[in-house]
Protein backbone atom coordinates (compact mmCIF):
# COMPACT_ATOMS: atom_id res chain seq x y z
CA UNK A 1 0.00 0.00 0.00
CA UNK A 2 1.45 3.31 -1.06
CA UNK A 3 1.84 5.80 1.81
CA UNK A 4 -0.11 9.02 1.45
CA UNK A 5 1.73 11.93 -0.18
CA UNK A 6 2.47 14.91 1.96
CA UNK A 7 0.64 18.08 1.32
CA UNK A 8 2.32 20.91 -0.54
CA UNK A 9 4.76 22.66 1.69
CA UNK A 10 4.57 19.90 4.29
CA UNK A 11 7.19 17.51 2.95
CA UNK A 12 9.82 15.93 5.15
CA UNK A 13 12.64 18.36 5.40
CA UNK A 14 14.94 15.83 7.03
CA UNK A 15 14.82 13.61 3.95
CA UNK A 16 16.97 15.12 1.23
CA UNK A 17 15.75 12.53 -1.28
CA UNK A 18 12.15 13.51 -0.87
CA UNK A 19 11.12 15.71 -3.86
CA UNK A 20 8.61 17.48 -1.66
CA UNK A 21 11.12 18.30 1.05
CA UNK A 22 11.79 21.80 -0.32
CA UNK A 23 8.41 22.70 -1.69
CA UNK A 24 7.32 24.55 1.43
CA UNK A 25 7.68 28.32 1.65
CA UNK A 26 11.03 29.34 3.14
CA UNK A 27 12.44 25.83 3.29
CA UNK A 28 14.89 26.34 0.40
CA UNK A 29 16.19 29.63 1.83
CA UNK A 30 16.58 28.03 5.25
CA UNK A 31 18.54 25.14 3.76
CA UNK A 32 20.80 27.48 1.77
CA UNK A 33 21.29 29.68 4.84
CA UNK A 34 22.58 26.62 6.63
CA UNK A 35 25.54 26.41 4.24
CA UNK A 36 28.73 28.43 4.70
CA UNK A 37 30.88 29.81 1.88
CA UNK A 38 34.38 30.16 3.34
CA UNK A 39 35.41 32.48 0.49
CA UNK A 40 32.68 35.08 1.21
CA UNK A 41 31.81 34.70 4.92
CA UNK A 42 34.65 35.45 7.34
CA UNK A 43 32.73 33.69 10.13
CA UNK A 44 30.99 30.36 9.44
CA UNK A 45 27.32 30.16 10.25
CA UNK A 46 26.75 33.94 9.90
CA UNK A 47 25.19 35.44 6.78
CA UNK A 48 24.69 39.15 6.69
CA UNK A 49 23.17 41.29 4.02
CA UNK A 50 26.39 41.08 1.90
CA UNK A 51 26.25 37.29 1.56
CA UNK A 52 26.74 36.24 -2.05
CA UNK A 53 24.39 33.86 -3.81
CA UNK A 54 24.79 30.13 -3.54
CA UNK A 55 27.99 28.89 -5.30
CA UNK A 56 28.30 25.27 -4.18
CA UNK A 57 25.98 22.38 -4.51
CA UNK A 58 24.39 21.19 -1.28
CA UNK A 59 26.21 18.18 0.14
CA UNK A 60 24.35 14.90 0.02
CA UNK A 61 22.70 14.04 3.24
CA UNK A 62 20.99 16.09 5.90
CA UNK A 63 22.64 19.21 7.26
CA UNK A 64 21.15 21.56 9.78
CA UNK A 65 21.43 25.35 9.35
CA UNK A 66 23.63 25.60 12.44
CA UNK A 67 26.08 22.91 11.33
CA UNK A 68 29.60 24.28 10.61
CA UNK A 69 31.12 23.55 7.20
CA UNK A 70 33.69 20.81 6.72
CA UNK A 71 36.40 23.38 5.90
CA UNK A 72 36.93 26.71 7.64
CA UNK A 73 38.87 29.51 5.91
CA UNK A 74 39.70 32.89 7.42
CA UNK A 75 41.26 35.23 4.81
CA UNK A 76 41.84 38.01 7.32
CA UNK A 77 43.56 35.70 9.78
CA UNK A 78 45.62 34.18 6.98
CA UNK A 79 46.90 37.54 5.80
CA UNK A 80 47.43 38.73 9.36
CA UNK A 81 49.65 35.73 10.10
CA UNK A 82 51.71 36.37 6.93
CA UNK A 83 51.93 40.14 6.72
CA UNK A 84 50.88 41.50 10.09
CA UNK A 85 48.05 43.97 10.43
CA UNK A 86 46.02 44.70 7.30
CA UNK A 87 43.22 47.14 7.10
CA UNK A 88 40.14 45.31 5.82
CA UNK A 89 38.48 46.91 2.86
CA UNK A 90 34.71 47.19 3.03
CA UNK A 91 32.94 45.02 0.56
CA UNK A 92 30.65 46.43 -2.03
CA UNK A 93 26.94 45.85 -1.45
CA UNK A 94 25.32 42.98 -3.22
CA UNK A 95 24.37 43.79 -6.76
CA UNK A 96 20.69 43.71 -7.62
CA UNK A 97 19.42 40.83 -9.62
CA UNK A 98 19.58 41.34 -13.38
CA UNK A 99 17.11 40.07 -15.95
CA UNK A 100 17.77 36.61 -17.29
CA UNK A 101 18.39 37.84 -20.83
CA UNK A 102 21.09 40.36 -19.79
CA UNK A 103 24.76 39.34 -19.89
CA UNK A 104 26.45 39.28 -16.50
CA UNK A 105 30.10 40.32 -16.29
CA UNK A 106 32.48 38.47 -13.91
CA UNK A 107 32.63 39.95 -10.43
CA UNK A 108 35.78 41.49 -9.08
CA UNK A 109 36.33 41.36 -5.36
CA UNK A 110 38.83 43.44 -3.38
CA UNK A 111 40.48 41.22 -0.84
CA UNK A 112 42.55 43.63 1.23
CA UNK A 113 44.81 46.64 1.20
CA UNK A 114 48.21 46.58 2.90
CA UNK A 115 49.08 49.47 5.11
CA UNK A 116 52.25 51.19 3.68
CA UNK A 117 53.49 51.93 7.21
CA UNK A 118 53.38 48.24 8.11
CA UNK A 119 55.05 47.34 4.80
CA UNK A 120 57.93 49.75 5.44
CA UNK A 121 58.33 48.60 9.05
CA UNK A 122 58.78 44.96 8.14
CA UNK A 123 62.33 43.66 8.04
CA UNK A 124 63.51 42.15 4.72
CA UNK A 125 63.37 38.39 4.75
CA UNK A 126 66.28 36.42 3.29
CA UNK A 127 65.44 34.47 0.20
CA UNK A 128 66.13 30.81 -0.23
CA UNK A 129 67.90 29.38 -3.27
CA UNK A 130 64.61 28.69 -5.08
CA UNK A 131 63.31 32.17 -4.26
CA UNK A 132 66.46 33.79 -5.62
CA UNK A 133 66.13 31.77 -8.80
CA UNK A 134 62.52 32.83 -9.19
CA UNK A 135 63.39 36.45 -8.44
CA UNK A 136 66.17 36.42 -11.09
CA UNK A 137 63.88 34.96 -13.73
CA UNK A 138 60.75 36.97 -12.86
CA UNK A 139 61.53 40.28 -11.17
CA UNK A 140 57.85 40.72 -10.32
CA UNK A 141 57.71 37.74 -7.95
CA UNK A 142 56.20 34.27 -8.11
CA UNK A 143 54.35 33.42 -11.33
CA UNK A 144 55.05 36.92 -12.70
CA UNK A 145 52.84 38.63 -10.04
CA UNK A 146 54.20 42.04 -8.95
CA UNK A 147 55.09 42.58 -5.29
CA UNK A 148 52.53 43.77 -2.78
CA UNK A 149 54.12 47.22 -2.46
CA UNK A 150 53.50 47.82 -6.18
CA UNK A 151 49.80 46.79 -6.21
CA UNK A 152 47.22 47.96 -3.68
CA UNK A 153 44.32 47.17 -3.63
CA UNK A 154 44.52 43.80 -5.37
CA UNK A 155 41.58 42.64 -7.43
CA UNK A 156 40.89 38.90 -7.47
CA UNK A 157 38.75 37.41 -10.23
CA UNK A 158 39.55 33.66 -10.14
CA UNK A 159 38.79 30.80 -7.85
CA UNK A 160 40.27 29.85 -4.54
CA UNK A 161 43.45 28.27 -5.91
CA UNK A 162 44.21 31.32 -8.06
CA UNK A 163 43.70 33.70 -5.14
CA UNK A 164 46.01 31.60 -2.99
CA UNK A 165 48.74 31.77 -5.64
CA UNK A 166 48.25 35.51 -5.93
CA UNK A 167 48.48 35.90 -2.15
CA UNK A 168 51.62 33.79 -2.08
CA UNK A 169 53.22 35.84 -4.87
CA UNK A 170 52.45 39.07 -3.03
CA UNK A 171 54.29 37.70 -0.03
CA UNK A 172 57.62 37.63 -1.95
CA UNK A 173 60.33 40.17 -1.30
CA UNK A 174 62.63 41.70 -3.90
CA UNK A 175 66.27 40.77 -3.52
CA UNK A 176 68.36 43.61 -2.12
CA UNK A 177 70.73 45.25 -4.65
CA UNK A 178 74.44 44.56 -4.19
CA UNK A 179 76.37 47.22 -2.32
CA UNK A 180 77.76 49.85 -4.68
CA UNK A 181 80.80 52.05 -4.40
CA UNK A 182 78.77 54.70 -2.59
CA UNK A 183 77.40 52.42 0.13
CA UNK A 184 78.93 51.35 3.40
CA UNK A 185 80.46 48.02 4.28
CA UNK A 186 77.04 46.35 4.38
CA UNK A 187 75.91 48.15 1.22
CA UNK A 188 72.53 49.16 2.73
CA UNK A 189 73.16 52.03 5.15
CA UNK A 190 74.03 54.55 2.40
CA UNK A 191 77.20 55.67 4.24
CA UNK A 192 80.27 56.56 2.11
CA UNK A 193 82.85 53.84 1.54
CA UNK A 194 85.81 53.70 3.82
CA UNK A 195 88.73 55.65 2.32
CA UNK A 196 91.78 53.64 1.29
CA UNK A 197 95.03 53.98 3.11
CA UNK A 198 98.11 55.34 1.38
CA UNK A 199 99.53 51.87 0.93
CA UNK A 200 96.27 50.60 -0.57
CA UNK A 201 96.13 53.60 -2.91
CA UNK A 202 99.70 52.92 -4.09
CA UNK A 203 98.92 49.28 -4.71
CA UNK A 204 95.77 50.20 -6.65
CA UNK A 205 97.69 52.73 -8.76
CA UNK A 206 100.44 50.20 -9.42
CA UNK A 207 97.91 47.56 -10.45
CA UNK A 208 96.29 50.05 -12.85
CA UNK A 209 99.57 50.66 -14.68
CA UNK A 210 100.41 48.67 -17.80
CA UNK A 211 103.07 46.00 -17.65
CA UNK A 212 106.46 46.62 -19.35
CA UNK A 213 105.61 44.13 -22.11
CA UNK A 214 102.45 46.04 -22.95
CA UNK A 215 104.31 49.36 -22.97
CA UNK A 216 107.07 47.96 -25.22
CA UNK A 217 104.65 46.36 -27.66
CA UNK A 218 102.65 49.57 -27.81
CA UNK A 219 105.81 51.59 -28.50
CA UNK A 220 106.91 49.18 -31.24
CA UNK A 221 103.50 49.35 -32.85
CA UNK A 222 103.49 53.14 -32.81
CA UNK A 223 107.01 53.14 -34.29
CA UNK A 224 105.96 50.89 -37.17
CA UNK A 225 102.90 53.04 -37.82
CA UNK A 226 105.08 56.17 -37.89
CA UNK A 227 107.56 54.53 -40.25
CA UNK A 228 104.74 53.40 -42.52
CA UNK A 229 103.33 56.92 -42.68
CA UNK A 230 106.78 58.36 -43.42
CA UNK A 231 107.37 55.80 -46.18
CA UNK A 232 104.02 56.62 -47.72
CA UNK A 233 104.81 60.33 -47.65
CA UNK A 234 108.25 59.71 -49.17
CA UNK A 235 106.83 57.61 -52.02
CA UNK A 236 104.20 60.26 -52.69
CA UNK A 237 106.90 62.91 -52.76
CA UNK A 238 109.18 60.94 -55.10
CA UNK A 239 106.61 59.69 -57.57
CA UNK A 240 104.30 62.68 -57.72
CA UNK A 241 105.59 65.89 -56.19
CA UNK A 242 109.06 65.75 -57.76
CA UNK A 243 107.47 65.52 -61.19
CA UNK A 244 105.22 68.47 -60.46
CA UNK A 245 108.10 70.66 -59.31
CA UNK A 246 110.44 69.53 -62.11
CA UNK A 247 107.83 70.28 -64.78
CA UNK A 248 107.33 73.75 -63.34
CA UNK A 249 111.07 74.49 -63.33
CA UNK A 250 111.63 73.04 -66.80
CA UNK A 251 108.73 74.99 -68.20
CA UNK A 252 110.10 78.25 -66.82
CA UNK A 253 113.55 77.44 -68.22
CA UNK A 254 112.11 76.75 -71.67
CA UNK A 255 110.32 80.11 -71.72
CA UNK A 256 113.50 81.79 -70.54
CA UNK A 257 115.54 80.27 -73.38
CA UNK A 258 112.92 81.20 -76.00
CA UNK A 259 112.66 84.77 -74.67
CA UNK A 260 116.44 85.16 -74.91
CA UNK A 261 116.40 84.00 -78.52
CA UNK A 262 113.57 86.36 -79.35
CA UNK A 263 115.46 89.30 -77.90
CA UNK A 264 118.58 88.40 -79.95
CA UNK A 265 120.81 87.71 -76.99
CA UNK A 266 124.44 87.15 -77.90
CA UNK A 267 125.51 83.52 -77.92
CA UNK A 268 128.37 82.94 -75.46
CA UNK A 269 131.47 81.09 -76.42
CA UNK A 270 130.82 78.56 -73.63
CA UNK A 271 127.78 77.92 -71.52
CA UNK A 272 127.91 77.89 -67.74
CA UNK A 273 127.11 74.60 -65.90
CA UNK A 274 123.38 74.41 -65.44
CA UNK A 275 122.66 77.05 -68.11
CA UNK A 276 120.01 76.15 -70.64
CA UNK A 277 121.05 76.59 -74.31
CA UNK A 278 118.78 74.31 -76.40
CA UNK A 279 115.41 72.48 -76.50
CA UNK A 280 114.94 68.82 -77.43
CA UNK A 281 111.76 67.64 -79.22
CA UNK A 282 110.72 63.99 -79.42
CA UNK A 283 107.35 64.11 -81.25
CA UNK A 284 106.56 60.41 -80.78
CA UNK A 285 106.82 60.73 -76.99
CA UNK A 286 105.42 64.29 -76.80
CA UNK A 287 108.62 65.47 -75.11
CA UNK A 288 109.66 69.15 -75.13
CA UNK A 289 112.45 69.70 -72.59
CA UNK A 290 115.26 72.24 -72.21
CA UNK A 291 118.89 71.12 -72.56
CA UNK A 292 121.34 72.51 -70.00
CA UNK A 293 125.11 72.41 -69.83
CA UNK A 294 126.48 69.60 -67.66
CA UNK A 295 124.94 66.53 -66.03
CA UNK A 296 124.79 67.76 -62.45
CA UNK A 297 122.03 65.99 -60.57
CA UNK A 298 121.07 68.98 -58.42
CA UNK A 299 121.47 71.77 -61.00
CA UNK A 300 120.24 69.99 -64.11
CA UNK A 301 118.71 66.52 -63.91
CA UNK A 302 116.61 66.96 -60.75
CA UNK A 303 115.22 70.20 -62.20
CA UNK A 304 113.53 68.29 -65.03
CA UNK A 305 116.07 69.24 -67.71
CA UNK A 306 118.25 67.13 -69.99
CA UNK A 307 122.01 67.43 -69.37
CA UNK A 308 124.78 67.62 -71.96
CA UNK A 309 127.99 65.68 -71.30
CA UNK A 310 130.39 68.64 -71.36
CA UNK A 311 132.91 67.94 -68.65
CA UNK A 312 136.23 66.17 -69.11
CA UNK A 313 136.90 63.30 -69.54
CA UNK A 314 133.31 62.78 -70.83
CA UNK A 315 133.09 65.90 -72.94
CA UNK A 316 131.07 65.40 -76.15
CA UNK A 317 130.40 67.47 -79.29
CA UNK A 318 127.77 70.17 -79.78
CA UNK A 319 125.06 69.91 -82.46
CA UNK A 320 126.64 72.57 -84.67
CA UNK A 321 129.97 70.69 -84.76
CA UNK A 322 130.72 69.18 -88.15
CA UNK A 323 131.70 65.89 -86.59
CA UNK A 324 131.13 64.23 -83.21
CA UNK A 325 128.62 62.65 -80.86
CA UNK A 326 126.11 64.92 -79.08
CA UNK A 327 125.46 62.90 -75.88
CA UNK A 328 122.61 63.71 -73.44
CA UNK A 329 121.44 62.32 -70.08
CA UNK A 330 118.03 62.51 -68.40
CA UNK A 331 115.91 60.91 -65.67
CA UNK A 332 113.71 57.96 -66.57
CA UNK A 333 111.65 58.13 -63.37
CA UNK A 334 110.80 61.03 -61.06
CA UNK A 335 111.95 64.66 -61.38
CA UNK A 336 110.13 65.24 -64.64
CA UNK A 337 111.26 61.88 -66.15
CA UNK A 338 111.86 63.23 -69.71
CA UNK A 339 113.51 59.98 -70.92
CA UNK A 340 111.04 57.54 -69.35
CA UNK A 341 109.77 56.05 -72.61
CA UNK A 342 112.78 56.34 -74.92
CA UNK A 343 112.84 52.54 -75.09
CA UNK A 344 109.69 52.83 -77.23
CA UNK A 345 111.50 54.63 -80.03
CA UNK A 346 111.92 52.74 -83.28
CA UNK A 347 114.49 53.22 -86.06
CA UNK A 348 113.55 56.23 -88.15
CA UNK A 349 111.70 58.13 -85.38
CA UNK A 350 112.76 61.82 -85.45
CA UNK A 351 114.59 63.59 -82.63
CA UNK A 352 114.93 67.39 -83.10
CA UNK A 353 117.35 69.66 -81.23
CA UNK A 354 116.40 73.35 -81.40
CA UNK A 355 119.13 75.95 -80.82
CA UNK A 356 119.39 79.72 -81.22
CA UNK A 357 120.56 79.38 -84.83
CA UNK A 358 119.00 76.23 -86.29
CA UNK A 359 116.94 73.03 -86.01
CA UNK A 360 118.95 69.78 -86.06
CA UNK A 361 116.95 66.67 -86.97
CA UNK A 362 118.18 63.18 -86.10
CA UNK A 363 116.73 59.77 -86.88
CA UNK A 364 116.86 56.98 -84.31
CA UNK A 365 119.04 54.10 -85.55
CA UNK A 366 119.68 51.60 -82.70
CA UNK A 367 119.21 50.90 -78.99
CA UNK A 368 121.24 49.19 -76.29
CA UNK A 369 118.75 47.95 -73.71
CA UNK A 370 121.23 47.45 -70.90
CA UNK A 371 124.83 48.23 -70.11
CA UNK A 372 127.02 49.01 -67.16
CA UNK A 373 127.17 52.58 -65.83
CA UNK A 374 130.93 52.41 -66.22
CA UNK A 375 130.70 51.75 -69.97
CA UNK A 376 131.63 55.25 -71.15
CA UNK A 377 132.34 54.08 -74.67
CA UNK A 378 128.65 54.47 -75.53
CA UNK A 379 129.12 58.26 -75.70
CA UNK A 380 132.37 58.15 -77.70
CA UNK A 381 132.78 59.77 -81.13
CA UNK A 382 132.08 56.42 -82.79
CA UNK A 383 130.27 54.16 -80.24
CA UNK A 384 131.34 50.56 -80.82
CA UNK A 385 127.89 49.00 -80.15
CA UNK A 386 125.87 51.62 -82.06
CA UNK A 387 126.45 50.19 -85.51
CA UNK A 388 128.32 53.25 -86.68
CA UNK A 389 131.60 52.48 -88.46
CA UNK A 390 133.04 55.93 -89.13
CA UNK A 391 132.92 59.39 -87.63
CA UNK A 392 129.80 61.43 -88.23
CA UNK A 393 127.23 63.68 -86.59
CA UNK A 394 125.52 61.49 -84.05
CA UNK A 395 123.24 61.84 -80.99
CA UNK A 396 123.20 59.61 -77.89
CA UNK A 397 120.44 59.49 -75.21
CA UNK A 398 121.30 57.81 -71.90
CA UNK A 399 119.08 56.99 -68.89
CA UNK A 400 118.77 54.53 -66.01
CA UNK A 401 117.26 51.06 -66.28
CA UNK A 402 115.28 49.12 -65.02
CA UNK A 403 112.67 51.67 -64.05
CA UNK A 404 112.93 53.14 -60.55
CA UNK A 405 116.53 51.88 -60.27
CA UNK A 406 119.97 53.01 -61.42
CA UNK A 407 121.61 49.61 -61.72
CA UNK A 408 122.19 49.77 -65.49
CA UNK A 409 122.00 52.26 -68.38
CA UNK A 410 119.69 52.32 -71.39
CA UNK A 411 121.24 53.78 -74.58
CA UNK A 412 119.53 55.13 -77.72
CA UNK A 413 121.55 56.30 -80.79
CA UNK A 414 120.64 58.41 -83.79
CA UNK A 415 122.30 60.20 -86.73
CA UNK A 416 121.72 63.68 -88.11
CA UNK A 417 119.64 63.84 -91.30
CA UNK A 418 118.78 67.53 -91.52
CA UNK A 419 120.07 70.94 -90.41
CA UNK A 420 117.60 73.78 -90.88
CA UNK A 421 118.29 77.43 -90.04
CA UNK A 422 115.70 79.11 -87.86
CA UNK A 423 115.10 81.69 -90.58
CA UNK A 424 113.48 78.94 -92.72
CA UNK A 425 111.04 78.00 -89.95
CA UNK A 426 110.38 74.74 -88.16
CA UNK A 427 111.04 71.39 -89.83
CA UNK A 428 108.11 69.38 -91.11
CA UNK A 429 108.23 66.88 -88.21
CA UNK A 430 107.44 69.71 -85.78
CA UNK A 431 104.85 71.49 -87.91
CA UNK A 432 102.57 68.44 -88.27
């Protein structure tokens, strides 16, 4: 026989499996009021007007409204044990119920605010090895949460486990900076460092000095750099500046000779050493250079001019002589280098010597690519290696070889083929 059903609102409240146990007016609120939420109620069993709605399912089995929960949690006591006195922050009043169709944003609760005076009064706690590792990797504290002194108040939006981790992270302390040069012995009192004694200062100064090996190596390096710079300047001077200066001097000497001819200056019986008296033209090489008396290096050759062998025992003939060898010398490199490319002359190329009275035209006949500087026979009246067999009117050009050295001599010979007075004008090889 089925037992009679209880009337509405009169179900057995002590039977949680009875569907009619909570149908009576006020029974559901009384049952919910019997539960304690340790995250919202600081004291179990007490529910004021700020109590939050039900968050947990009712445990299976009967539970009276006065029964204490299985777990008790005191946030204020927890924080007080860890950080000392904290000023509790008043909670916001319960929000009014919203319509069912309106979206509800997550609630943010303010747990506490730490008193700055208490924070400053606390002594720094030494960190363990794990704490130091965490502080080095994450300057903000555990799990990347900034320290308590940087965040106040702290909003909490997660569950219990997340709030515990946040509270633990806020309990970390930043590692103290190492003592600097301006701190005291402990590095934290801000007092100036202890001054060094005279002996300590001498030792520090001696340690700061370079060792003798370093000083020697530095001096040798600077010496090599200086020598390199000087060598570079010398090469620039020899290969470039000497040519510039020699061309300037030779050009002035050429104009001086031509001006003297134009004025009808009297021709001396003998020219002074270093005095210009003629101009040599080598059309193939585009050479126009004054000829001076003598082969002095300082007075003639280094000034960009061509020198005439006129001193005994190497005295040679003049162009106007009816027989003889007109021998000349000139630089192949540097100082104007008028004879640099005479090795390019071929038999038949013209060489013209211009004097005050006439133009003397020679044709190149032979070349001696290398001979000893002591071989003076190359400028004789009839040079033995020139191919000439009898006396005549010859010209000899001498210069150094190989280039940029003076080890040997390069010789070029030619013979006169035309003598033209100045009154008849320039020869055809110069006009074209």
